[in-house]
Amino acid sequence: MALLAKERARAEFQDWEKKEEEFHFDQSKMRSEIRLLEGRIKPMLIQMNWRTKFHIWRRK
């Protein structure tokens, strides 16, 4: 019984962790888009913008 609860908790944590990573990834993309639109571009954003045009975004 305790083993099932432990496995369930582990699965929930992994799900939460994945959602957290996706959230931070999406926020990073949003911040980059805002910087591009407002003209506050950073050199790395130029490369990132090129990658998005060709759909080469990679997640960790």
PDB file of N, CA and C in Angstrom:
ATOM      1  N   MET A   1       0.823  -1.191   0.000  1.00  0.00           N
ATOM      2  CA  MET A   1       0.000   0.000   0.000  1.00  0.00           C
ATOM      3  C   MET A   1       0.868   1.256   0.000  1.00  0.00           C
ATOM      4  N   ALA A   2       1.872   1.286   0.865  1.00  0.00           N
ATOM      5  CA  ALA A   2       2.760   2.439   0.935  1.00  0.00           C
ATOM      6  C   ALA A   2       3.564   2.571  -0.354  1.00  0.00           C
ATOM      7  N   LEU A   3       3.886   1.450  -0.953  1.00  0.00           N
ATOM      8  CA  LEU A   3       4.647   1.457  -2.198  1.00  0.00           C
ATOM      9  C   LEU A   3       3.839   2.101  -3.325  1.00  0.00           C
ATOM     10  N   LEU A   4       2.544   1.801  -3.384  1.00  0.00           N
ATOM     11  CA  LEU A   4       1.685   2.401  -4.399  1.00  0.00           C
ATOM     12  C   LEU A   4       1.582   3.913  -4.203  1.00  0.00           C
ATOM     13  N   ALA A   5       1.467   4.330  -2.973  1.00  0.00           N
ATOM     14  CA  ALA A   5       1.381   5.760  -2.682  1.00  0.00           C
ATOM     15  C   ALA A   5       2.679   6.463  -3.073  1.00  0.00           C
ATOM     16  N   LYS A   6       3.795   5.807  -2.818  1.00  0.00           N
ATOM     17  CA  LYS A   6       5.096   6.370  -3.157  1.00  0.00           C
ATOM     18  C   LYS A   6       5.249   6.503  -4.676  1.00  0.00           C
ATOM     19  N   GLU A   7       4.830   5.477  -5.408  1.00  0.00           N
ATOM     20  CA  GLU A   7       4.900   5.510  -6.866  1.00  0.00           C
ATOM     21  C   GLU A   7       3.983   6.595  -7.423  1.00  0.00           C
ATOM     22  N   ARG A   8       2.803   6.728  -6.867  1.00  0.00           N
ATOM     23  CA  ARG A   8       1.853   7.746  -7.305  1.00  0.00           C
ATOM     24  C   ARG A   8       2.431   9.144  -7.060  1.00  0.00           C
ATOM     25  N   ALA A   9       3.036   9.346  -5.910  1.00  0.00           N
ATOM     26  CA  ALA A   9       3.636  10.638  -5.589  1.00  0.00           C
ATOM     27  C   ALA A   9       4.795  10.939  -6.540  1.00  0.00           C
ATOM     28  N   ARG A  10       5.595   9.934  -6.856  1.00  0.00           N
ATOM     29  CA  ARG A  10       6.707  10.113  -7.782  1.00  0.00           C
ATOM     30  C   ARG A  10       6.197  10.493  -9.171  1.00  0.00           C
ATOM     31  N   ALA A  11       5.136   9.831  -9.626  1.00  0.00           N
ATOM     32  CA  ALA A  11       4.569  10.129 -10.945  1.00  0.00           C
ATOM     33  C   ALA A  11       3.999  11.550 -10.980  1.00  0.00           C
ATOM     34  N   GLU A  12       3.335  11.953  -9.912  1.00  0.00           N
ATOM     35  CA  GLU A  12       2.784  13.308  -9.845  1.00  0.00           C
ATOM     36  C   GLU A  12       3.899  14.349  -9.861  1.00  0.00           C
ATOM     37  N   PHE A  13       4.975  14.075  -9.146  1.00  0.00           N
ATOM     38  CA  PHE A  13       6.101  15.008  -9.115  1.00  0.00           C
ATOM     39  C   PHE A  13       6.736  15.131 -10.495  1.00  0.00           C
ATOM     40  N   GLN A  14       6.909  14.019 -11.197  1.00  0.00           N
ATOM     41  CA  GLN A  14       7.500  14.059 -12.533  1.00  0.00           C
ATOM     42  C   GLN A  14       6.608  14.851 -13.489  1.00  0.00           C
ATOM     43  N   ASP A  15       5.305  14.677 -13.363  1.00  0.00           N
ATOM     44  CA  ASP A  15       4.360  15.428 -14.195  1.00  0.00           C
ATOM     45  C   ASP A  15       4.471  16.914 -13.891  1.00  0.00           C
ATOM     46  N   TRP A  16       4.529  17.247 -12.607  1.00  0.00           N
ATOM     47  CA  TRP A  16       4.640  18.649 -12.200  1.00  0.00           C
ATOM     48  C   TRP A  16       5.953  19.247 -12.702  1.00  0.00           C
ATOM     49  N   GLU A  17       7.030  18.470 -12.598  1.00  0.00           N
ATOM     50  CA  GLU A  17       8.339  18.940 -13.035  1.00  0.00           C
ATOM     51  C   GLU A  17       8.347  19.219 -14.542  1.00  0.00           C
ATOM     52  N   LYS A  18       7.715  18.357 -15.316  1.00  0.00           N
ATOM     53  CA  LYS A  18       7.638  18.551 -16.762  1.00  0.00           C
ATOM     54  C   LYS A  18       6.851  19.818 -17.092  1.00  0.00           C
ATOM     55  N   LYS A  19       5.737  20.016 -16.409  1.00  0.00           N
ATOM     56  CA  LYS A  19       4.929  21.220 -16.628  1.00  0.00           C
ATOM     57  C   LYS A  19       5.712  22.477 -16.260  1.00  0.00           C
ATOM     58  N   GLU A  20       6.495  22.406 -15.209  1.00  0.00           N
ATOM     59  CA  GLU A  20       7.313  23.534 -14.770  1.00  0.00           C
ATOM     60  C   GLU A  20       8.351  23.893 -15.841  1.00  0.00           C
ATOM     61  N   GLU A  21       9.011  22.889 -16.404  1.00  0.00           N
ATOM     62  CA  GLU A  21       9.997  23.126 -17.460  1.00  0.00           C
ATOM     63  C   GLU A  21       9.344  23.744 -18.692  1.00  0.00           C
ATOM     64  N   GLU A  22       8.176  23.228 -19.072  1.00  0.00           N
ATOM     65  CA  GLU A  22       7.454  23.774 -20.225  1.00  0.00           C
ATOM     66  C   GLU A  22       7.060  25.223 -19.978  1.00  0.00           C
ATOM     67  N   PHE A  23       6.625  25.529 -18.771  1.00  0.00           N
ATOM     68  CA  PHE A  23       6.240  26.894 -18.421  1.00  0.00           C
ATOM     69  C   PHE A  23       7.423  27.839 -18.574  1.00  0.00           C
ATOM     70  N   HIS A  24       8.580  27.469 -18.041  1.00  0.00           N
ATOM     71  CA  HIS A  24       9.755  28.328 -18.120  1.00  0.00           C
ATOM     72  C   HIS A  24      10.233  28.484 -19.562  1.00  0.00           C
ATOM     73  N   PHE A  25      10.135  27.421 -20.334  1.00  0.00           N
ATOM     74  CA  PHE A  25      10.512  27.487 -21.743  1.00  0.00           C
ATOM     75  C   PHE A  25       9.598  28.458 -22.495  1.00  0.00           C
ATOM     76  N   ASP A  26       8.297  28.345 -22.266  1.00  0.00           N
ATOM     77  CA  ASP A  26       7.339  29.237 -22.928  1.00  0.00           C
ATOM     78  C   ASP A  26       7.540  30.687 -22.501  1.00  0.00           C
ATOM     79  N   GLN A  27       7.824  30.911 -21.219  1.00  0.00           N
ATOM     80  CA  GLN A  27       8.072  32.269 -20.731  1.00  0.00           C
ATOM     81  C   GLN A  27       9.323  32.854 -21.367  1.00  0.00           C
ATOM     82  N   SER A  28      10.331  32.049 -21.550  1.00  0.00           N
ATOM     83  CA  SER A  28      11.568  32.498 -22.182  1.00  0.00           C
ATOM     84  C   SER A  28      11.300  32.939 -23.619  1.00  0.00           C
ATOM     85  N   LYS A  29      10.520  32.156 -24.349  1.00  0.00           N
ATOM     86  CA  LYS A  29      10.179  32.525 -25.721  1.00  0.00           C
ATOM     87  C   LYS A  29       9.383  33.826 -25.741  1.00  0.00           C
ATOM     88  N   MET A  30       8.448  33.975 -24.814  1.00  0.00           N
ATOM     89  CA  MET A  30       7.625  35.173 -24.759  1.00  0.00           C
ATOM     90  C   MET A  30       8.481  36.409 -24.465  1.00  0.00           C
ATOM     91  N   ARG A  31       9.406  36.301 -23.510  1.00  0.00           N
ATOM     92  CA  ARG A  31      10.296  37.419 -23.197  1.00  0.00           C
ATOM     93  C   ARG A  31      11.132  37.810 -24.414  1.00  0.00           C
ATOM     94  N   SER A  32      11.594  36.817 -25.158  1.00  0.00           N
ATOM     95  CA  SER A  32      12.393  37.082 -26.351  1.00  0.00           C
ATOM     96  C   SER A  32      11.573  37.815 -27.403  1.00  0.00           C
ATOM     97  N   GLU A  33      10.346  37.384 -27.611  1.00  0.00           N
ATOM     98  CA  GLU A  33       9.477  38.048 -28.580  1.00  0.00           C
ATOM     99  C   GLU A  33       9.224  39.492 -28.185  1.00  0.00           C
ATOM    100  N   ILE A  34       8.989  39.746 -26.921  1.00  0.00           N
ATOM    101  CA  ILE A  34       8.748  41.106 -26.435  1.00  0.00           C
ATOM    102  C   ILE A  34       9.983  41.971 -26.669  1.00  0.00           C
ATOM    103  N   ARG A  35      11.161  41.432 -26.362  1.00  0.00           N
ATOM    104  CA  ARG A  35      12.393  42.187 -26.588  1.00  0.00           C
ATOM    105  C   ARG A  35      12.566  42.523 -28.070  1.00  0.00           C
ATOM    106  N   LEU A  36      12.266  41.571 -28.946  1.00  0.00           N
ATOM    107  CA  LEU A  36      12.382  41.827 -30.379  1.00  0.00           C
ATOM    108  C   LEU A  36      11.411  42.924 -30.817  1.00  0.00           C
ATOM    109  N   LEU A  37      10.178  42.855 -30.349  1.00  0.00           N
ATOM    110  CA  LEU A  37       9.163  43.840 -30.736  1.00  0.00           C
ATOM    111  C   LEU A  37       9.477  45.236 -30.213  1.00  0.00           C
ATOM    112  N   GLU A  38      10.075  45.319 -29.043  1.00  0.00           N
ATOM    113  CA  GLU A  38      10.371  46.617 -28.438  1.00  0.00           C
ATOM    114  C   GLU A  38      11.747  47.153 -28.829  1.00  0.00           C
ATOM    115  N   GLY A  39      12.485  46.415 -29.641  1.00  0.00           N
ATOM    116  CA  GLY A  39      13.787  46.875 -30.095  1.00  0.00           C
ATOM    117  C   GLY A  39      14.878  46.758 -29.046  1.00  0.00           C
ATOM    118  N   ARG A  40      14.658  45.964 -28.024  1.00  0.00           N
ATOM    119  CA  ARG A  40      15.672  45.751 -26.982  1.00  0.00           C
ATOM    120  C   ARG A  40      16.354  44.412 -27.225  1.00  0.00           C
ATOM    121  N   ILE A  41      16.829  44.256 -28.433  1.00  0.00           N
ATOM    122  CA  ILE A  41      17.352  42.965 -28.862  1.00  0.00           C
ATOM    123  C   ILE A  41      18.735  42.685 -28.259  1.00  0.00           C
ATOM    124  N   LYS A  42      18.980  41.450 -27.978  1.00  0.00           N
ATOM    125  CA  LYS A  42      20.282  40.985 -27.510  1.00  0.00           C
ATOM    126  C   LYS A  42      20.861  40.093 -28.612  1.00  0.00           C
ATOM    127  N   PRO A  43      22.166  40.012 -28.715  1.00  0.00           N
ATOM    128  CA  PRO A  43      22.770  39.208 -29.784  1.00  0.00           C
ATOM    129  C   PRO A  43      22.242  37.768 -29.835  1.00  0.00           C
ATOM    130  N   MET A  44      22.030  37.165 -28.695  1.00  0.00           N
ATOM    131  CA  MET A  44      21.548  35.782 -28.682  1.00  0.00           C
ATOM    132  C   MET A  44      20.136  35.685 -29.240  1.00  0.00           C
ATOM    133  N   LEU A  45      19.349  36.737 -29.081  1.00  0.00           N
ATOM    134  CA  LEU A  45      17.974  36.711 -29.588  1.00  0.00           C
ATOM    135  C   LEU A  45      17.933  36.662 -31.107  1.00  0.00           C
ATOM    136  N   ILE A  46      18.929  37.250 -31.756  1.00  0.00           N
ATOM    137  CA  ILE A  46      18.977  37.198 -33.216  1.00  0.00           C
ATOM    138  C   ILE A  46      19.068  35.747 -33.663  1.00  0.00           C
ATOM    139  N   GLN A  47      19.956  35.000 -33.032  1.00  0.00           N
ATOM    140  CA  GLN A  47      20.115  33.593 -33.380  1.00  0.00           C
ATOM    141  C   GLN A  47      18.848  32.810 -33.026  1.00  0.00           C
ATOM    142  N   MET A  48      18.262  33.098 -31.876  1.00  0.00           N
ATOM    143  CA  MET A  48      17.052  32.392 -31.452  1.00  0.00           C
ATOM    144  C   MET A  48      15.902  32.692 -32.398  1.00  0.00           C
ATOM    145  N   ASN A  49      15.792  33.940 -32.854  1.00  0.00           N
ATOM    146  CA  ASN A  49      14.729  34.314 -33.776  1.00  0.00           C
ATOM    147  C   ASN A  49      14.886  33.557 -35.088  1.00  0.00           C
ATOM    148  N   TRP A  50      16.114  33.404 -35.569  1.00  0.00           N
ATOM    149  CA  TRP A  50      16.367  32.646 -36.778  1.00  0.00           C
ATOM    150  C   TRP A  50      15.905  31.204 -36.610  1.00  0.00           C
ATOM    151  N   ARG A  51      16.192  30.623 -35.450  1.00  0.00           N
ATOM    152  CA  ARG A  51      15.803  29.235 -35.209  1.00  0.00           C
ATOM    153  C   ARG A  51      14.293  29.078 -35.203  1.00  0.00           C
ATOM    154  N   THR A  52      13.560  30.035 -34.651  1.00  0.00           N
ATOM    155  CA  THR A  52      12.109  29.900 -34.590  1.00  0.00           C
ATOM    156  C   THR A  52      11.504  29.969 -35.981  1.00  0.00           C
ATOM    157  N   LYS A  53      12.097  30.751 -36.858  1.00  0.00           N
ATOM    158  CA  LYS A  53      11.573  30.845 -38.217  1.00  0.00           C
ATOM    159  C   LYS A  53      11.658  29.507 -38.924  1.00  0.00           C
ATOM    160  N   PHE A  54      12.645  28.715 -38.561  1.00  0.00           N
ATOM    161  CA  PHE A  54      12.826  27.416 -39.185  1.00  0.00           C
ATOM    162  C   PHE A  54      12.405  26.266 -38.268  1.00  0.00           C
ATOM    163  N   HIS A  55      11.701  26.594 -37.216  1.00  0.00           N
ATOM    164  CA  HIS A  55      11.141  25.600 -36.288  1.00  0.00           C
ATOM    165  C   HIS A  55      12.193  24.633 -35.740  1.00  0.00           C
ATOM    166  N   ILE A  56      13.293  25.185 -35.270  1.00  0.00           N
ATOM    167  CA  ILE A  56      14.363  24.351 -34.740  1.00  0.00           C
ATOM    168  C   ILE A  56      14.460  24.510 -33.229  1.00  0.00           C
ATOM    169  N   TRP A  57      13.417  25.035 -32.584  1.00  0.00           N
ATOM    170  CA  TRP A  57      13.473  25.192 -31.129  1.00  0.00           C
ATOM    171  C   TRP A  57      13.727  23.841 -30.486  1.00  0.00           C
ATOM    172  N   ARG A  58      14.628  23.833 -29.556  1.00  0.00           N
ATOM    173  CA  ARG A  58      14.937  22.582 -28.862  1.00  0.00           C
ATOM    174  C   ARG A  58      14.707  22.775 -27.381  1.00  0.00           C
ATOM    175  N   ARG A  59      14.182  21.761 -26.767  1.00  0.00           N
ATOM    176  CA  ARG A  59      14.014  21.776 -25.309  1.00  0.00           C
ATOM    177  C   ARG A  59      15.130  20.990 -24.693  1.00  0.00           C
ATOM    178  N   LYS A  60      15.380  21.278 -23.434  1.00  0.00           N
ATOM    179  CA  LYS A  60      16.408  20.541 -22.708  1.00  0.00           C
ATOM    180  C   LYS A  60      16.102  19.081 -22.679  1.00  0.00           C
TER     181      LYS A  60
END
